[in-house]
Amino acid sequence: MRLGADRARVRVPATSANLGPGFDTAGMALGLYDDVEVRALGASEVQVDVVGEGADDLPTGADHLVVRALHHALDHVGAPRTGVHLVCRNRIPHGRGLGSSAAAVVAGLLAARALVAEPEALDDDVVLRLATELEGHPDNAAPALLGGATLAWSEGQAVRATRIDVHPTVVPIAVVPPSRLSTSHARGVLPAEVAHGDAAWQAGRAALLVEALGRRPELLFDATGDRLHQQQRRSVMPESLALVDALRAHGVPAVVSGAGPTVLVFGRTAAGDERPVDHRVTDADRALDEVFGGAMGGWRILRLGLSDDGALWRRLP
């Protein structure tokens, strides 16, 4: 396949995975975005300019994750591996459980879609499968690609995802710590096996999560319970789990975002409140104020809301 364009721009949202009980399955796109501009070069040179998050420590050559994903997609459709100049404007915090690596992967795959002459060869099904090959699991890639809240699953080589409804009063709030934690470290402390009773309990909460997100947000506290991964990670993110405990003691649905250490809070606003999400008052605000007591200690509260559109791409003249 030949290339059909030489410049493109991609925007990809942050994501939160698991949402409590939906381990490696449930995810949600959040209103914080990385922007990537790609320009194909005639030579084989690869140059990456990073602005914002990761500017001081990310690779600037062919080993950059966006470039690796771009080349993976070009190889898949039989297009030539062109040299590229990337400009990455990163806003998603790295190493915080907000899907920065999935955003980079999806950005590279959609950049390839924009560059090739037949973008339909990299439709959403193909992109999700390629992203899962690079990420290892689809729970972040699915909402980054499709937007909204998603459930993703695999069967053999096939990877699929579907969107699920989110009630308009639900406002996702990310509480971001100053410290980082690698996904591999967070996954490394999980046990190889779980008790049958815990698995059955978790399945019930995961099913309830779909109903609570879409139609019964008053059930979100019960629906975000977890027995499979959060407490097992307490040793590597004690402050995050302490915050989850404190917020849940106030009746607030709070979970570890992805592999952490960010904490995701499900706030609720009054019905019909159509103000910008960062101006809405939620039922979680008082609890957050009381828990922190005005001393944030480097933590940031980001009232992000839901990203309904997911990743967007367009060719540039």
C-alpha atoms as a PDB file:
ATOM      1  CA  MET A   1       0.000   0.000   0.000  1.00  0.00           C
ATOM      2  CA  ARG A   2       1.246   3.489  -0.813  1.00  0.00           C
ATOM      3  CA  LEU A   3       1.036   6.607   1.298  1.00  0.00           C
ATOM      4  CA  GLY A   4      -1.748   9.049   0.479  1.00  0.00           C
ATOM      5  CA  ALA A   5      -0.777  12.028   2.645  1.00  0.00           C
ATOM      6  CA  ASP A   6       2.322  13.419   4.279  1.00  0.00           C
ATOM      7  CA  ARG A   7       0.929  15.433   7.214  1.00  0.00           C
ATOM      8  CA  ALA A   8      -1.675  14.688   9.871  1.00  0.00           C
ATOM      9  CA  ARG A   9      -2.812  15.646  13.336  1.00  0.00           C
ATOM     10  CA  VAL A  10      -4.192  13.307  16.012  1.00  0.00           C
ATOM     11  CA  ARG A  11      -5.809  14.067  19.373  1.00  0.00           C
ATOM     12  CA  VAL A  12      -6.187  11.282  21.958  1.00  0.00           C
ATOM     13  CA  PRO A  13      -7.822  11.457  25.417  1.00  0.00           C
ATOM     14  CA  ALA A  14      -6.537  10.270  28.751  1.00  0.00           C
ATOM     15  CA  THR A  15      -8.244   7.161  30.057  1.00  0.00           C
ATOM     16  CA  SER A  16      -8.954   5.379  33.315  1.00  0.00           C
ATOM     17  CA  ALA A  17      -9.116   1.595  33.318  1.00  0.00           C
ATOM     18  CA  ASN A  18     -10.755  -0.977  35.603  1.00  0.00           C
ATOM     19  CA  LEU A  19     -13.199   1.515  37.236  1.00  0.00           C
ATOM     20  CA  GLY A  20     -13.040  -0.671  40.312  1.00  0.00           C
ATOM     21  CA  PRO A  21     -14.320  -4.181  39.511  1.00  0.00           C
ATOM     22  CA  GLY A  22     -13.830  -4.218  35.712  1.00  0.00           C
ATOM     23  CA  PHE A  23     -10.211  -5.379  35.806  1.00  0.00           C
ATOM     24  CA  ASP A  24      -8.575  -5.313  32.340  1.00  0.00           C
ATOM     25  CA  THR A  25     -12.056  -4.845  30.825  1.00  0.00           C
ATOM     26  CA  ALA A  26     -13.749  -1.567  31.746  1.00  0.00           C
ATOM     27  CA  GLY A  27     -12.399   1.835  30.828  1.00  0.00           C
ATOM     28  CA  MET A  28     -13.400   5.462  30.443  1.00  0.00           C
ATOM     29  CA  ALA A  29     -12.108   8.324  28.265  1.00  0.00           C
ATOM     30  CA  LEU A  30     -11.415  11.536  30.162  1.00  0.00           C
ATOM     31  CA  GLY A  31     -11.351  15.181  29.094  1.00  0.00           C
ATOM     32  CA  LEU A  32      -7.564  15.610  28.961  1.00  0.00           C
ATOM     33  CA  TYR A  33      -5.737  15.237  25.655  1.00  0.00           C
ATOM     34  CA  ASP A  34      -2.399  14.646  23.965  1.00  0.00           C
ATOM     35  CA  ASP A  35      -1.957  16.155  20.499  1.00  0.00           C
ATOM     36  CA  VAL A  36       0.419  14.694  17.920  1.00  0.00           C
ATOM     37  CA  GLU A  37       1.350  16.218  14.591  1.00  0.00           C
ATOM     38  CA  VAL A  38       3.161  13.977  12.142  1.00  0.00           C
ATOM     39  CA  ARG A  39       4.983  14.860   8.917  1.00  0.00           C
ATOM     40  CA  ALA A  40       6.331  12.178   6.608  1.00  0.00           C
ATOM     41  CA  LEU A  41       9.915  12.733   5.448  1.00  0.00           C
ATOM     42  CA  GLY A  42      11.541  11.654   2.239  1.00  0.00           C
ATOM     43  CA  ALA A  43      14.555  10.252   4.099  1.00  0.00           C
ATOM     44  CA  SER A  44      14.543   7.574   6.794  1.00  0.00           C
ATOM     45  CA  GLU A  45      15.215  10.093   9.554  1.00  0.00           C
ATOM     46  CA  VAL A  46      13.017  10.048  12.664  1.00  0.00           C
ATOM     47  CA  GLN A  47      12.763  13.169  14.794  1.00  0.00           C
ATOM     48  CA  VAL A  48      10.458  13.606  17.787  1.00  0.00           C
ATOM     49  CA  ASP A  49       9.876  16.897  19.575  1.00  0.00           C
ATOM     50  CA  VAL A  50       8.054  16.601  22.903  1.00  0.00           C
ATOM     51  CA  VAL A  51       6.371  19.522  24.622  1.00  0.00           C
ATOM     52  CA  GLY A  52       4.855  19.146  28.096  1.00  0.00           C
ATOM     53  CA  GLU A  53       4.685  15.838  29.969  1.00  0.00           C
ATOM     54  CA  GLY A  54       7.775  13.694  29.379  1.00  0.00           C
ATOM     55  CA  ALA A  55       9.690  16.423  27.549  1.00  0.00           C
ATOM     56  CA  ASP A  56      12.854  15.698  29.528  1.00  0.00           C
ATOM     57  CA  ASP A  57      12.864  11.905  29.533  1.00  0.00           C
ATOM     58  CA  LEU A  58      11.035  10.463  26.498  1.00  0.00           C
ATOM     59  CA  PRO A  59      12.946   9.075  23.497  1.00  0.00           C
ATOM     60  CA  THR A  60      13.314  11.399  20.531  1.00  0.00           C
ATOM     61  CA  GLY A  61      13.953   8.800  17.844  1.00  0.00           C
ATOM     62  CA  ALA A  62      12.529   5.586  16.412  1.00  0.00           C
ATOM     63  CA  ASP A  63      12.079   4.039  19.862  1.00  0.00           C
ATOM     64  CA  HIS A  64       9.458   6.648  20.828  1.00  0.00           C
ATOM     65  CA  LEU A  65       6.185   4.803  21.438  1.00  0.00           C
ATOM     66  CA  VAL A  66       4.177   6.877  18.938  1.00  0.00           C
ATOM     67  CA  VAL A  67       6.743   6.064  16.222  1.00  0.00           C
ATOM     68  CA  ARG A  68       6.785   2.394  17.140  1.00  0.00           C
ATOM     69  CA  ALA A  69       2.981   2.256  16.870  1.00  0.00           C
ATOM     70  CA  LEU A  70       3.043   4.172  13.587  1.00  0.00           C
ATOM     71  CA  HIS A  71       5.554   1.740  12.090  1.00  0.00           C
ATOM     72  CA  HIS A  72       3.603  -1.247  13.466  1.00  0.00           C
ATOM     73  CA  ALA A  73       0.510  -0.063  11.601  1.00  0.00           C
ATOM     74  CA  LEU A  74       2.411   0.684   8.385  1.00  0.00           C
ATOM     75  CA  ASP A  75       3.931  -2.803   8.496  1.00  0.00           C
ATOM     76  CA  HIS A  76       0.483  -4.316   9.015  1.00  0.00           C
ATOM     77  CA  VAL A  77      -0.930  -2.778   5.833  1.00  0.00           C
ATOM     78  CA  GLY A  78       2.249  -3.195   3.792  1.00  0.00           C
ATOM     79  CA  ALA A  79       3.009   0.514   3.532  1.00  0.00           C
ATOM     80  CA  PRO A  80       6.589   1.781   3.491  1.00  0.00           C
ATOM     81  CA  ARG A  81       8.172   2.824   6.785  1.00  0.00           C
ATOM     82  CA  THR A  82       8.631   6.476   6.053  1.00  0.00           C
ATOM     83  CA  GLY A  83      10.849   8.781   8.026  1.00  0.00           C
ATOM     84  CA  VAL A  84       8.812  11.105  10.211  1.00  0.00           C
ATOM     85  CA  HIS A  85       8.938  14.309  12.183  1.00  0.00           C
ATOM     86  CA  LEU A  86       6.616  14.214  15.189  1.00  0.00           C
ATOM     87  CA  VAL A  87       5.574  17.048  17.448  1.00  0.00           C
ATOM     88  CA  CYS A  88       3.949  15.651  20.607  1.00  0.00           C
ATOM     89  CA  ARG A  89       2.122  18.067  22.886  1.00  0.00           C
ATOM     90  CA  ASN A  90       1.588  15.961  25.979  1.00  0.00           C
ATOM     91  CA  ARG A  91      -0.849  16.848  28.735  1.00  0.00           C
ATOM     92  CA  ILE A  92      -1.612  13.389  30.121  1.00  0.00           C
ATOM     93  CA  PRO A  93       0.544  12.724  33.212  1.00  0.00           C
ATOM     94  CA  HIS A  94       2.959   9.828  32.773  1.00  0.00           C
ATOM     95  CA  GLY A  95       3.169   6.894  35.160  1.00  0.00           C
ATOM     96  CA  ARG A  96      -0.042   7.891  36.938  1.00  0.00           C
ATOM     97  CA  GLY A  97      -2.624   5.380  35.683  1.00  0.00           C
ATOM     98  CA  LEU A  98      -4.233   7.758  33.179  1.00  0.00           C
ATOM     99  CA  GLY A  99      -3.460   5.853  29.998  1.00  0.00           C
ATOM    100  CA  SER A 100      -0.493   7.849  28.684  1.00  0.00           C
ATOM    101  CA  SER A 101       1.012   4.810  26.944  1.00  0.00           C
ATOM    102  CA  ALA A 102      -2.326   3.811  25.393  1.00  0.00           C
ATOM    103  CA  ALA A 103      -2.733   7.387  24.156  1.00  0.00           C
ATOM    104  CA  ALA A 104       0.689   7.226  22.507  1.00  0.00           C
ATOM    105  CA  VAL A 105      -0.092   3.885  20.883  1.00  0.00           C
ATOM    106  CA  VAL A 106      -3.490   4.987  19.581  1.00  0.00           C
ATOM    107  CA  ALA A 107      -1.963   8.256  18.346  1.00  0.00           C
ATOM    108  CA  GLY A 108       0.651   6.375  16.329  1.00  0.00           C
ATOM    109  CA  LEU A 109      -1.865   3.945  14.856  1.00  0.00           C
ATOM    110  CA  LEU A 110      -4.250   6.719  13.842  1.00  0.00           C
ATOM    111  CA  ALA A 111      -1.380   8.753  12.413  1.00  0.00           C
ATOM    112  CA  ALA A 112      -0.687   5.780  10.165  1.00  0.00           C
ATOM    113  CA  ARG A 113      -4.382   5.658   9.227  1.00  0.00           C
ATOM    114  CA  ALA A 114      -4.187   9.295   8.199  1.00  0.00           C
ATOM    115  CA  LEU A 115      -1.042   8.818   6.124  1.00  0.00           C
ATOM    116  CA  VAL A 116      -1.940   5.716   4.106  1.00  0.00           C
ATOM    117  CA  ALA A 117      -3.873   5.904   0.855  1.00  0.00           C
ATOM    118  CA  GLU A 118      -6.573   3.535   2.119  1.00  0.00           C
ATOM    119  CA  PRO A 119      -7.369   4.538   5.723  1.00  0.00           C
ATOM    120  CA  GLU A 120     -10.195   1.991   5.878  1.00  0.00           C
ATOM    121  CA  ALA A 121      -7.498  -0.697   6.064  1.00  0.00           C
ATOM    122  CA  LEU A 122      -6.885   0.582   9.590  1.00  0.00           C
ATOM    123  CA  ASP A 123     -10.477   0.701  10.795  1.00  0.00           C
ATOM    124  CA  ASP A 124     -11.346   0.726  14.504  1.00  0.00           C
ATOM    125  CA  ASP A 125     -11.374  -3.070  14.801  1.00  0.00           C
ATOM    126  CA  VAL A 126      -7.890  -3.328  13.331  1.00  0.00           C
ATOM    127  CA  VAL A 127      -6.561  -0.423  15.380  1.00  0.00           C
ATOM    128  CA  LEU A 128      -7.907  -1.935  18.604  1.00  0.00           C
ATOM    129  CA  ARG A 129      -6.251  -5.261  17.822  1.00  0.00           C
ATOM    130  CA  LEU A 130      -2.919  -3.636  16.946  1.00  0.00           C
ATOM    131  CA  ALA A 131      -3.094  -1.473  20.070  1.00  0.00           C
ATOM    132  CA  THR A 132      -3.698  -4.562  22.190  1.00  0.00           C
ATOM    133  CA  GLU A 133      -0.695  -6.266  20.623  1.00  0.00           C
ATOM    134  CA  LEU A 134       1.442  -3.338  21.754  1.00  0.00           C
ATOM    135  CA  GLU A 135      -0.254  -2.669  25.105  1.00  0.00           C
ATOM    136  CA  GLY A 136      -0.974  -6.242  26.188  1.00  0.00           C
ATOM    137  CA  HIS A 137      -4.604  -5.508  27.125  1.00  0.00           C
ATOM    138  CA  PRO A 138      -7.368  -3.360  25.597  1.00  0.00           C
ATOM    139  CA  ASP A 139      -8.900  -1.651  28.646  1.00  0.00           C
ATOM    140  CA  ASN A 140      -7.237   1.734  28.028  1.00  0.00           C
ATOM    141  CA  ALA A 141      -6.941   1.550  24.256  1.00  0.00           C
ATOM    142  CA  ALA A 142     -10.683   0.945  23.762  1.00  0.00           C
ATOM    143  CA  PRO A 143     -11.922   4.156  25.433  1.00  0.00           C
ATOM    144  CA  ALA A 144      -9.012   6.149  23.994  1.00  0.00           C
ATOM    145  CA  LEU A 145     -10.121   5.062  20.524  1.00  0.00           C
ATOM    146  CA  LEU A 146     -13.912   5.007  20.898  1.00  0.00           C
ATOM    147  CA  GLY A 147     -14.543   7.594  23.618  1.00  0.00           C
ATOM    148  CA  GLY A 148     -17.018   7.396  26.484  1.00  0.00           C
ATOM    149  CA  ALA A 149     -17.013   4.354  28.726  1.00  0.00           C
ATOM    150  CA  THR A 150     -16.232   0.975  27.192  1.00  0.00           C
ATOM    151  CA  LEU A 151     -16.060  -2.731  27.851  1.00  0.00           C
ATOM    152  CA  ALA A 152     -13.359  -4.619  25.964  1.00  0.00           C
ATOM    153  CA  TRP A 153     -12.723  -8.336  25.652  1.00  0.00           C
ATOM    154  CA  SER A 154     -10.694 -10.774  23.591  1.00  0.00           C
ATOM    155  CA  GLU A 155     -11.197 -14.256  22.244  1.00  0.00           C
ATOM    156  CA  GLY A 156      -8.107 -15.806  20.706  1.00  0.00           C
ATOM    157  CA  GLN A 157      -6.640 -13.224  18.351  1.00  0.00           C
ATOM    158  CA  ALA A 158      -9.870 -11.225  18.144  1.00  0.00           C
ATOM    159  CA  VAL A 159     -10.256  -8.112  20.288  1.00  0.00           C
ATOM    160  CA  ARG A 160     -13.595  -6.355  20.596  1.00  0.00           C
ATOM    161  CA  ALA A 161     -15.048  -3.422  22.497  1.00  0.00           C
ATOM    162  CA  THR A 162     -18.405  -1.761  22.966  1.00  0.00           C
ATOM    163  CA  ARG A 163     -19.433   1.536  24.448  1.00  0.00           C
ATOM    164  CA  ILE A 164     -21.677   1.660  27.499  1.00  0.00           C
ATOM    165  CA  ASP A 165     -23.854   4.529  28.633  1.00  0.00           C
ATOM    166  CA  VAL A 166     -22.761   7.038  31.266  1.00  0.00           C
ATOM    167  CA  HIS A 167     -25.450   8.990  33.110  1.00  0.00           C
ATOM    168  CA  PRO A 168     -25.185  12.749  32.401  1.00  0.00           C
ATOM    169  CA  THR A 169     -24.893  13.581  36.111  1.00  0.00           C
ATOM    170  CA  VAL A 170     -21.706  11.489  36.551  1.00  0.00           C
ATOM    171  CA  VAL A 171     -18.495  13.563  36.600  1.00  0.00           C
ATOM    172  CA  PRO A 172     -15.161  11.669  36.663  1.00  0.00           C
ATOM    173  CA  ILE A 173     -12.601  13.454  38.853  1.00  0.00           C
ATOM    174  CA  ALA A 174      -8.928  12.442  38.785  1.00  0.00           C
ATOM    175  CA  VAL A 175      -6.928  12.975  41.977  1.00  0.00           C
ATOM    176  CA  VAL A 176      -3.334  12.836  40.762  1.00  0.00           C
ATOM    177  CA  PRO A 177      -0.399  12.280  43.142  1.00  0.00           C
ATOM    178  CA  PRO A 178       3.073  13.760  42.666  1.00  0.00           C
ATOM    179  CA  SER A 179       4.677  10.311  42.459  1.00  0.00           C
ATOM    180  CA  ARG A 180       4.796   7.918  39.511  1.00  0.00           C
ATOM    181  CA  LEU A 181       4.359   4.158  39.370  1.00  0.00           C
ATOM    182  CA  SER A 182       5.114   1.924  36.409  1.00  0.00           C
ATOM    183  CA  THR A 183       2.361  -0.375  35.189  1.00  0.00           C
ATOM    184  CA  SER A 184       4.743  -3.345  35.205  1.00  0.00           C
ATOM    185  CA  HIS A 185       5.566  -2.754  38.872  1.00  0.00           C
ATOM    186  CA  ALA A 186       1.900  -2.404  39.800  1.00  0.00           C
ATOM    187  CA  ARG A 187       0.937  -5.562  37.913  1.00  0.00           C
ATOM    188  CA  GLY A 188       3.899  -7.456  39.324  1.00  0.00           C
ATOM    189  CA  VAL A 189       2.457  -7.547  42.853  1.00  0.00           C
ATOM    190  CA  LEU A 190      -0.834  -9.166  41.813  1.00  0.00           C
ATOM    191  CA  PRO A 191      -1.344 -12.816  42.781  1.00  0.00           C
ATOM    192  CA  ALA A 192      -1.461 -15.489  40.095  1.00  0.00           C
ATOM    193  CA  GLU A 193      -4.712 -16.928  41.497  1.00  0.00           C
ATOM    194  CA  VAL A 194      -7.762 -15.601  43.328  1.00  0.00           C
ATOM    195  CA  ALA A 195     -10.346 -17.287  45.522  1.00  0.00           C
ATOM    196  CA  HIS A 196     -13.522 -18.464  43.794  1.00  0.00           C
ATOM    197  CA  GLY A 197     -15.679 -16.509  46.236  1.00  0.00           C
ATOM    198  CA  ASP A 198     -13.815 -13.286  45.471  1.00  0.00           C
ATOM    199  CA  ALA A 199     -14.142 -13.899  41.731  1.00  0.00           C
ATOM    200  CA  ALA A 200     -17.901 -14.447  42.060  1.00  0.00           C
ATOM    201  CA  TRP A 201     -18.276 -11.309  44.221  1.00  0.00           C
ATOM    202  CA  GLN A 202     -16.280  -9.320  41.668  1.00  0.00           C
ATOM    203  CA  ALA A 203     -18.393 -10.548  38.756  1.00  0.00           C
ATOM    204  CA  GLY A 204     -21.511  -9.276  40.501  1.00  0.00           C
ATOM    205  CA  ARG A 205     -19.984  -5.836  41.075  1.00  0.00           C
ATOM    206  CA  ALA A 206     -18.766  -5.625  37.461  1.00  0.00           C
ATOM    207  CA  ALA A 207     -22.276  -6.358  36.215  1.00  0.00           C
ATOM    208  CA  LEU A 208     -23.713  -3.779  38.607  1.00  0.00           C
ATOM    209  CA  LEU A 209     -21.187  -1.200  37.361  1.00  0.00           C
ATOM    210  CA  VAL A 210     -22.819  -1.134  33.911  1.00  0.00           C
ATOM    211  CA  GLU A 211     -26.250  -0.412  35.408  1.00  0.00           C
ATOM    212  CA  ALA A 212     -24.878   2.154  37.862  1.00  0.00           C
ATOM    213  CA  LEU A 213     -22.930   4.109  35.252  1.00  0.00           C
ATOM    214  CA  GLY A 214     -25.754   4.230  32.763  1.00  0.00           C
ATOM    215  CA  ARG A 215     -29.028   4.412  34.653  1.00  0.00           C
ATOM    216  CA  ARG A 216     -28.578   4.225  38.434  1.00  0.00           C
ATOM    217  CA  PRO A 217     -25.620   6.406  39.486  1.00  0.00           C
ATOM    218  CA  GLU A 218     -26.818   6.235  43.097  1.00  0.00           C
ATOM    219  CA  LEU A 219     -25.510   2.630  43.010  1.00  0.00           C
ATOM    220  CA  LEU A 220     -21.961   3.624  42.052  1.00  0.00           C
ATOM    221  CA  PHE A 221     -20.576   3.232  45.561  1.00  0.00           C
ATOM    222  CA  ASP A 222     -21.533  -0.449  45.702  1.00  0.00           C
ATOM    223  CA  ALA A 223     -20.759  -0.936  42.006  1.00  0.00           C
ATOM    224  CA  THR A 224     -17.142   0.248  42.350  1.00  0.00           C
ATOM    225  CA  GLY A 225     -16.176  -2.305  44.991  1.00  0.00           C
ATOM    226  CA  ASP A 226     -13.154  -4.492  44.250  1.00  0.00           C
ATOM    227  CA  ARG A 227     -11.472  -7.569  45.699  1.00  0.00           C
ATOM    228  CA  LEU A 228      -9.041  -8.554  42.937  1.00  0.00           C
ATOM    229  CA  HIS A 229      -6.421  -5.851  42.460  1.00  0.00           C
ATOM    230  CA  GLN A 230      -6.579  -2.720  44.625  1.00  0.00           C
ATOM    231  CA  GLN A 231      -5.819  -4.018  48.119  1.00  0.00           C
ATOM    232  CA  GLN A 232      -3.208  -6.329  46.604  1.00  0.00           C
ATOM    233  CA  ARG A 233      -1.358  -3.210  45.390  1.00  0.00           C
ATOM    234  CA  ARG A 234      -1.373  -1.375  48.713  1.00  0.00           C
ATOM    235  CA  SER A 235       2.335  -2.037  49.277  1.00  0.00           C
ATOM    236  CA  VAL A 236       3.318  -0.132  46.117  1.00  0.00           C
ATOM    237  CA  MET A 237       0.812   2.744  46.448  1.00  0.00           C
ATOM    238  CA  PRO A 238      -0.065   3.099  50.135  1.00  0.00           C
ATOM    239  CA  GLU A 239      -1.013   6.787  49.900  1.00  0.00           C
ATOM    240  CA  SER A 240      -3.414   6.147  47.010  1.00  0.00           C
ATOM    241  CA  LEU A 241      -5.167   3.305  48.824  1.00  0.00           C
ATOM    242  CA  ALA A 242      -5.329   5.413  51.985  1.00  0.00           C
ATOM    243  CA  LEU A 243      -7.075   8.115  49.949  1.00  0.00           C
ATOM    244  CA  VAL A 244      -9.482   5.562  48.447  1.00  0.00           C
ATOM    245  CA  ASP A 245     -10.261   4.315  51.963  1.00  0.00           C
ATOM    246  CA  ALA A 246     -10.806   7.841  53.300  1.00  0.00           C
ATOM    247  CA  LEU A 247     -13.110   8.872  50.462  1.00  0.00           C
ATOM    248  CA  ARG A 248     -15.132   5.668  50.617  1.00  0.00           C
ATOM    249  CA  ALA A 249     -15.505   6.167  54.364  1.00  0.00           C
ATOM    250  CA  HIS A 250     -17.324   9.379  53.372  1.00  0.00           C
ATOM    251  CA  GLY A 251     -19.566   7.391  51.015  1.00  0.00           C
ATOM    252  CA  VAL A 252     -17.777   8.560  47.854  1.00  0.00           C
ATOM    253  CA  PRO A 253     -17.259   6.093  44.966  1.00  0.00           C
ATOM    254  CA  ALA A 254     -13.459   6.174  44.636  1.00  0.00           C
ATOM    255  CA  VAL A 255     -11.143   3.676  42.957  1.00  0.00           C
ATOM    256  CA  VAL A 256      -7.559   3.358  41.805  1.00  0.00           C
ATOM    257  CA  SER A 257      -7.298   4.586  38.224  1.00  0.00           C
ATOM    258  CA  GLY A 258      -5.820   1.818  36.101  1.00  0.00           C
ATOM    259  CA  ALA A 259      -2.535   0.640  37.593  1.00  0.00           C
ATOM    260  CA  GLY A 260      -2.404   3.789  39.731  1.00  0.00           C
ATOM    261  CA  PRO A 261      -1.390   5.735  41.611  1.00  0.00           C
ATOM    262  CA  THR A 262      -4.069   8.260  40.533  1.00  0.00           C
ATOM    263  CA  VAL A 263      -7.408   7.914  42.313  1.00  0.00           C
ATOM    264  CA  LEU A 264     -10.576   8.217  40.227  1.00  0.00           C
ATOM    265  CA  VAL A 265     -13.645   9.667  41.928  1.00  0.00           C
ATOM    266  CA  PHE A 266     -17.165   9.423  40.515  1.00  0.00           C
ATOM    267  CA  GLY A 267     -18.829  12.696  41.463  1.00  0.00           C
ATOM    268  CA  ARG A 268     -22.471  13.476  40.723  1.00  0.00           C
ATOM    269  CA  THR A 269     -24.001  16.810  39.848  1.00  0.00           C
ATOM    270  CA  ALA A 270     -27.566  18.041  39.964  1.00  0.00           C
ATOM    271  CA  ALA A 271     -29.668  16.908  37.015  1.00  0.00           C
ATOM    272  CA  GLY A 272     -29.760  19.484  34.236  1.00  0.00           C
ATOM    273  CA  ASP A 273     -26.480  21.208  35.190  1.00  0.00           C
ATOM    274  CA  GLU A 274     -25.022  22.067  31.777  1.00  0.00           C
ATOM    275  CA  ARG A 275     -22.177  24.309  32.933  1.00  0.00           C
ATOM    276  CA  PRO A 276     -18.613  23.428  31.848  1.00  0.00           C
ATOM    277  CA  VAL A 277     -17.490  20.400  33.818  1.00  0.00           C
ATOM    278  CA  ASP A 278     -14.849  22.289  35.795  1.00  0.00           C
ATOM    279  CA  HIS A 279     -17.531  24.666  37.109  1.00  0.00           C
ATOM    280  CA  ARG A 280     -19.984  22.048  38.306  1.00  0.00           C
ATOM    281  CA  VAL A 281     -20.494  21.263  41.981  1.00  0.00           C
ATOM    282  CA  THR A 282     -20.514  17.541  42.772  1.00  0.00           C
ATOM    283  CA  ASP A 283     -21.503  15.523  45.798  1.00  0.00           C
ATOM    284  CA  ALA A 284     -17.843  14.486  46.197  1.00  0.00           C
ATOM    285  CA  ASP A 285     -16.469  18.011  46.652  1.00  0.00           C
ATOM    286  CA  ARG A 286     -17.067  18.285  50.397  1.00  0.00           C
ATOM    287  CA  ALA A 287     -15.461  14.904  51.056  1.00  0.00           C
ATOM    288  CA  LEU A 288     -12.398  15.874  49.006  1.00  0.00           C
ATOM    289  CA  ASP A 289     -12.089  19.118  50.963  1.00  0.00           C
ATOM    290  CA  GLU A 290     -12.411  17.328  54.288  1.00  0.00           C
ATOM    291  CA  VAL A 291      -9.951  14.562  53.422  1.00  0.00           C
ATOM    292  CA  PHE A 292      -7.246  16.949  52.232  1.00  0.00           C
ATOM    293  CA  GLY A 293      -8.041  19.679  54.730  1.00  0.00           C
ATOM    294  CA  GLY A 294      -6.567  22.325  52.451  1.00  0.00           C
ATOM    295  CA  ALA A 295      -3.129  20.645  52.413  1.00  0.00           C
ATOM    296  CA  MET A 296      -2.745  18.992  48.996  1.00  0.00           C
ATOM    297  CA  GLY A 297       0.851  17.806  49.485  1.00  0.00           C
ATOM    298  CA  GLY A 298       1.502  17.838  45.767  1.00  0.00           C
ATOM    299  CA  TRP A 299      -1.752  16.100  44.810  1.00  0.00           C
ATOM    300  CA  ARG A 300      -3.874  17.686  42.071  1.00  0.00           C
ATOM    301  CA  ILE A 301      -7.636  17.464  41.672  1.00  0.00           C
ATOM    302  CA  LEU A 302      -8.586  17.426  37.987  1.00  0.00           C
ATOM    303  CA  ARG A 303     -12.298  17.650  37.271  1.00  0.00           C
ATOM    304  CA  LEU A 304     -11.956  16.146  33.804  1.00  0.00           C
ATOM    305  CA  GLY A 305     -15.375  14.861  32.905  1.00  0.00           C
ATOM    306  CA  LEU A 306     -16.014  12.374  30.136  1.00  0.00           C
ATOM    307  CA  SER A 307     -14.507  12.544  26.647  1.00  0.00           C
ATOM    308  CA  ASP A 308     -17.369  11.427  24.444  1.00  0.00           C
ATOM    309  CA  ASP A 309     -15.580  11.583  21.091  1.00  0.00           C
ATOM    310  CA  GLY A 310     -12.431   9.595  21.784  1.00  0.00           C
ATOM    311  CA  ALA A 311      -9.464   9.922  19.447  1.00  0.00           C
ATOM    312  CA  LEU A 312      -9.748  12.245  16.441  1.00  0.00           C
ATOM    313  CA  TRP A 313      -7.527  12.478  13.379  1.00  0.00           C
ATOM    314  CA  ARG A 314      -7.327  14.558  10.241  1.00  0.00           C
ATOM    315  CA  ARG A 315      -5.009  15.076   7.347  1.00  0.00           C
ATOM    316  CA  LEU A 316      -3.303  18.429   7.015  1.00  0.00           C
ATOM    317  CA  PRO A 317      -2.603  20.292   3.770  1.00  0.00           C
END
